[in-house]
C-alpha atoms as a PDB file:
ATOM      1  CA  UNK A   1     110.633  86.361 -36.174  1.00  0.00           C
ATOM      2  CA  UNK A   2     114.220  86.258 -36.524  1.00  0.00           C
ATOM      3  CA  UNK A   3     116.879  88.912 -36.397  1.00  0.00           C
ATOM      4  CA  UNK A   4     120.515  89.370 -36.698  1.00  0.00           C
ATOM      5  CA  UNK A   5     122.694  92.345 -35.255  1.00  0.00           C
ATOM      6  CA  UNK A   6     125.781  93.608 -36.922  1.00  0.00           C
ATOM      7  CA  UNK A   7     127.508  96.426 -34.922  1.00  0.00           C
ATOM      8  CA  UNK A   8     124.656  99.135 -34.570  1.00  0.00           C
ATOM      9  CA  UNK A   9     122.312  97.834 -36.970  1.00  0.00           C
ATOM     10  CA  UNK A  10     119.591  95.244 -36.794  1.00  0.00           C
ATOM     11  CA  UNK A  11     118.601  93.242 -39.594  1.00  0.00           C
ATOM     12  CA  UNK A  12     115.082  91.424 -38.991  1.00  0.00           C
ATOM     13  CA  UNK A  13     112.708  89.060 -40.551  1.00  0.00           C
ATOM     14  CA  UNK A  14     109.047  89.365 -39.515  1.00  0.00           C
ATOM     15  CA  UNK A  15     106.757  86.340 -40.496  1.00  0.00           C
ATOM     16  CA  UNK A  16     103.057  85.647 -41.575  1.00  0.00           C
ATOM     17  CA  UNK A  17     100.691  86.630 -38.601  1.00  0.00           C
ATOM     18  CA  UNK A  18     102.864  88.617 -36.559  1.00  0.00           C
ATOM     19  CA  UNK A  19     102.179  92.480 -35.867  1.00  0.00           C
ATOM     20  CA  UNK A  20     104.637  94.469 -36.595  1.00  0.00           C
ATOM     21  CA  UNK A  21     104.599  96.930 -33.801  1.00  0.00           C
ATOM     22  CA  UNK A  22     104.887  94.083 -31.123  1.00  0.00           C
ATOM     23  CA  UNK A  23     107.742  92.571 -33.129  1.00  0.00           C
ATOM     24  CA  UNK A  24     109.905  96.280 -33.049  1.00  0.00           C
ATOM     25  CA  UNK A  25     109.333  96.650 -29.354  1.00  0.00           C
ATOM     26  CA  UNK A  26     110.192  93.023 -28.681  1.00  0.00           C
ATOM     27  CA  UNK A  27     113.753  93.815 -30.275  1.00  0.00           C
ATOM     28  CA  UNK A  28     114.186  97.084 -29.043  1.00  0.00           C
ATOM     29  CA  UNK A  29     113.861  95.833 -25.164  1.00  0.00           C
ATOM     30  CA  UNK A  30     115.606  92.956 -26.045  1.00  0.00           C
ATOM     31  CA  UNK A  31     118.821  94.550 -27.775  1.00  0.00           C
ATOM     32  CA  UNK A  32     118.538  97.566 -25.342  1.00  0.00           C
ATOM     33  CA  UNK A  33     117.623 100.110 -28.273  1.00  0.00           C
ATOM     34  CA  UNK A  34     116.856 103.360 -26.765  1.00  0.00           C
ATOM     35  CA  UNK A  35     117.147 105.440 -30.015  1.00  0.00           C
ATOM     36  CA  UNK A  36     117.201 104.394 -33.340  1.00  0.00           C
ATOM     37  CA  UNK A  37     115.661 105.181 -37.111  1.00  0.00           C
ATOM     38  CA  UNK A  38     113.341 102.170 -38.815  1.00  0.00           C
ATOM     39  CA  UNK A  39     112.958 100.804 -42.192  1.00  0.00           C
ATOM     40  CA  UNK A  40     111.229  98.107 -43.606  1.00  0.00           C
ATOM     41  CA  UNK A  41     109.491  96.730 -46.561  1.00  0.00           C
ATOM     42  CA  UNK A  42     107.247  93.230 -47.010  1.00  0.00           C
ATOM     43  CA  UNK A  43     103.660  92.457 -47.022  1.00  0.00           C
ATOM     44  CA  UNK A  44     100.634  92.917 -44.726  1.00  0.00           C
ATOM     45  CA  UNK A  45      97.155  91.661 -44.584  1.00  0.00           C
ATOM     46  CA  UNK A  46      95.679  94.045 -42.337  1.00  0.00           C
ATOM     47  CA  UNK A  47      97.192  97.534 -41.114  1.00  0.00           C
ATOM     48  CA  UNK A  48      95.466 100.753 -39.645  1.00  0.00           C
ATOM     49  CA  UNK A  49      97.282 103.910 -40.374  1.00  0.00           C
ATOM     50  CA  UNK A  50      95.602 107.318 -39.579  1.00  0.00           C
ATOM     51  CA  UNK A  51      96.191 110.967 -40.075  1.00  0.00           C
ATOM     52  CA  UNK A  52      96.424 113.422 -37.508  1.00  0.00           C
ATOM     53  CA  UNK A  53      94.164 116.222 -37.130  1.00  0.00           C
ATOM     54  CA  UNK A  54      95.766 118.885 -35.289  1.00  0.00           C
ATOM     55  CA  UNK A  55      92.870 121.185 -34.407  1.00  0.00           C
ATOM     56  CA  UNK A  56      91.405 117.930 -32.520  1.00  0.00           C
ATOM     57  CA  UNK A  57      94.314 116.790 -31.127  1.00  0.00           C
ATOM     58  CA  UNK A  58      93.650 113.277 -32.553  1.00  0.00           C
ATOM     59  CA  UNK A  59      94.250 110.761 -35.119  1.00  0.00           C
ATOM     60  CA  UNK A  60      91.635 109.841 -37.451  1.00  0.00           C
ATOM     61  CA  UNK A  61      92.326 106.140 -37.880  1.00  0.00           C
ATOM     62  CA  UNK A  62      91.571 104.132 -41.520  1.00  0.00           C
ATOM     63  CA  UNK A  63      91.365 100.448 -41.227  1.00  0.00           C
ATOM     64  CA  UNK A  64      92.519  98.308 -44.201  1.00  0.00           C
ATOM     65  CA  UNK A  65      92.470  94.579 -45.040  1.00  0.00           C
ATOM     66  CA  UNK A  66      93.470  92.467 -47.972  1.00  0.00           C
ATOM     67  CA  UNK A  67      96.626  91.958 -50.262  1.00  0.00           C
ATOM     68  CA  UNK A  68      99.018  94.924 -49.511  1.00  0.00           C
ATOM     69  CA  UNK A  69     102.743  95.647 -49.909  1.00  0.00           C
ATOM     70  CA  UNK A  70     104.496  97.922 -48.379  1.00  0.00           C
ATOM     71  CA  UNK A  71     105.505 100.415 -50.180  1.00  0.00           C
ATOM     72  CA  UNK A  72     107.538 102.611 -47.265  1.00  0.00           C
ATOM     73  CA  UNK A  73     107.815 101.854 -43.661  1.00  0.00           C
ATOM     74  CA  UNK A  74     109.792 104.361 -41.666  1.00  0.00           C
ATOM     75  CA  UNK A  75     110.050 105.575 -38.315  1.00  0.00           C
ATOM     76  CA  UNK A  76     112.211 106.013 -34.853  1.00  0.00           C
ATOM     77  CA  UNK A  77     112.233 104.174 -31.473  1.00  0.00           C
ATOM     78  CA  UNK A  78     112.896 106.597 -28.674  1.00  0.00           C
ATOM     79  CA  UNK A  79     111.908 106.873 -25.344  1.00  0.00           C
ATOM     80  CA  UNK A  80     109.245 108.664 -22.934  1.00  0.00           C
ATOM     81  CA  UNK A  81     109.570 108.931 -19.004  1.00  0.00           C
ATOM     82  CA  UNK A  82     112.385 106.353 -20.002  1.00  0.00           C
ATOM     83  CA  UNK A  83     110.126 104.047 -21.290  1.00  0.00           C
ATOM     84  CA  UNK A  84     110.133 102.276 -25.235  1.00  0.00           C
ATOM     85  CA  UNK A  85     108.532 104.331 -27.378  1.00  0.00           C
ATOM     86  CA  UNK A  86     107.939 103.894 -31.069  1.00  0.00           C
ATOM     87  CA  UNK A  87     106.615 106.509 -33.934  1.00  0.00           C
ATOM     88  CA  UNK A  88     106.210 104.684 -37.497  1.00  0.00           C
ATOM     89  CA  UNK A  89     104.373 105.983 -40.870  1.00  0.00           C
ATOM     90  CA  UNK A  90     103.741 103.392 -43.382  1.00  0.00           C
ATOM     91  CA  UNK A  91     102.493 103.658 -46.833  1.00  0.00           C
ATOM     92  CA  UNK A  92     100.962 100.064 -48.522  1.00  0.00           C
ATOM     93  CA  UNK A  93     100.073  99.239 -52.228  1.00  0.00           C
ATOM     94  CA  UNK A  94      97.068  96.998 -53.606  1.00  0.00           C
ATOM     95  CA  UNK A  95      97.452  95.112 -56.830  1.00  0.00           C
ATOM     96  CA  UNK A  96      95.588  97.886 -58.421  1.00  0.00           C
ATOM     97  CA  UNK A  97      98.582 100.262 -58.034  1.00  0.00           C
ATOM     98  CA  UNK A  98      96.413 102.149 -55.265  1.00  0.00           C
ATOM     99  CA  UNK A  99      98.474 103.297 -51.986  1.00  0.00           C
ATOM    100  CA  UNK A 100      97.236 104.066 -48.685  1.00  0.00           C
ATOM    101  CA  UNK A 101      99.269 104.930 -45.559  1.00  0.00           C
ATOM    102  CA  UNK A 102      99.951 107.499 -42.507  1.00  0.00           C
ATOM    103  CA  UNK A 103     100.740 107.053 -38.762  1.00  0.00           C
ATOM    104  CA  UNK A 104     101.017 103.304 -38.230  1.00  0.00           C
ATOM    105  CA  UNK A 105      99.056 101.818 -35.253  1.00  0.00           C
ATOM    106  CA  UNK A 106      99.019  98.165 -36.004  1.00  0.00           C
ATOM    107  CA  UNK A 107     100.152  95.897 -38.770  1.00  0.00           C
ATOM    108  CA  UNK A 108     100.108  92.499 -39.449  1.00  0.00           C
ATOM    109  CA  UNK A 109     102.853  90.536 -41.758  1.00  0.00           C
ATOM    110  CA  UNK A 110     101.065  88.056 -44.384  1.00  0.00           C
ATOM    111  CA  UNK A 111     104.061  87.031 -46.396  1.00  0.00           C
ATOM    112  CA  UNK A 112     106.837  88.698 -45.100  1.00  0.00           C
ATOM    113  CA  UNK A 113     108.551  91.954 -43.477  1.00  0.00           C
ATOM    114  CA  UNK A 114     112.095  93.073 -43.870  1.00  0.00           C
ATOM    115  CA  UNK A 115     112.946  95.443 -41.433  1.00  0.00           C
ATOM    116  CA  UNK A 116     116.603  97.470 -40.768  1.00  0.00           C
ATOM    117  CA  UNK A 117     116.733  98.960 -37.578  1.00  0.00           C
ATOM    118  CA  UNK A 118     119.912 101.596 -37.373  1.00  0.00           C
ATOM    119  CA  UNK A 119     120.431 102.017 -33.662  1.00  0.00           C
ATOM    120  CA  UNK A 120     122.191 105.190 -32.963  1.00  0.00           C
ATOM    121  CA  UNK A 121     124.351 105.886 -29.755  1.00  0.00           C
ATOM    122  CA  UNK A 122     122.509 108.344 -27.435  1.00  0.00           C
ATOM    123  CA  UNK A 123     119.070 108.196 -26.298  1.00  0.00           C
ATOM    124  CA  UNK A 124     116.299 110.880 -27.188  1.00  0.00           C
ATOM    125  CA  UNK A 125     113.243 111.463 -24.595  1.00  0.00           C
ATOM    126  CA  UNK A 126     109.923 112.470 -25.812  1.00  0.00           C
ATOM    127  CA  UNK A 127     107.497 114.655 -23.916  1.00  0.00           C
ATOM    128  CA  UNK A 128     103.943 115.738 -24.735  1.00  0.00           C
ATOM    129  CA  UNK A 129     103.157 119.517 -26.108  1.00  0.00           C
ATOM    130  CA  UNK A 130      99.991 121.110 -25.123  1.00  0.00           C
ATOM    131  CA  UNK A 131      99.818 122.902 -28.333  1.00  0.00           C
ATOM    132  CA  UNK A 132      99.776 120.149 -30.605  1.00  0.00           C
ATOM    133  CA  UNK A 133      98.899 117.172 -28.405  1.00  0.00           C
ATOM    134  CA  UNK A 134     101.449 115.354 -29.389  1.00  0.00           C
ATOM    135  CA  UNK A 135     104.676 113.488 -27.793  1.00  0.00           C
ATOM    136  CA  UNK A 136     107.604 115.439 -29.463  1.00  0.00           C
ATOM    137  CA  UNK A 137     111.181 114.755 -29.198  1.00  0.00           C
ATOM    138  CA  UNK A 138     113.103 116.686 -26.617  1.00  0.00           C
ATOM    139  CA  UNK A 139     116.708 118.046 -26.841  1.00  0.00           C
END
């Protein structure tokens, strides 16, 4: 991975074999990012994306492997109990045009991943909410 910072915006290139969430965390910790929006495109060989079932308060993970183009990767960086917290969703398409996606748990870059992290001046903590079972933004 390589990246460069331009004011409050970080432009990164992730390389083959790198795991996307791991690299976002590395950048955020190194650059002291407490709040940001994230977007990316690229290609992955393996990823896990889930759908949250509110009634059961759990994610149902779906694992994919093969050749996929990232159609959309978007989300946020924030903090929970003062620690790094990342919430990303990703959609990725196969060669026949099928697209799969959801809440991103892991993704391995196959060719490259071009990522933009827009740092926001401030901080928003998350807290666990019993009703939904999710770690929600607290204002």
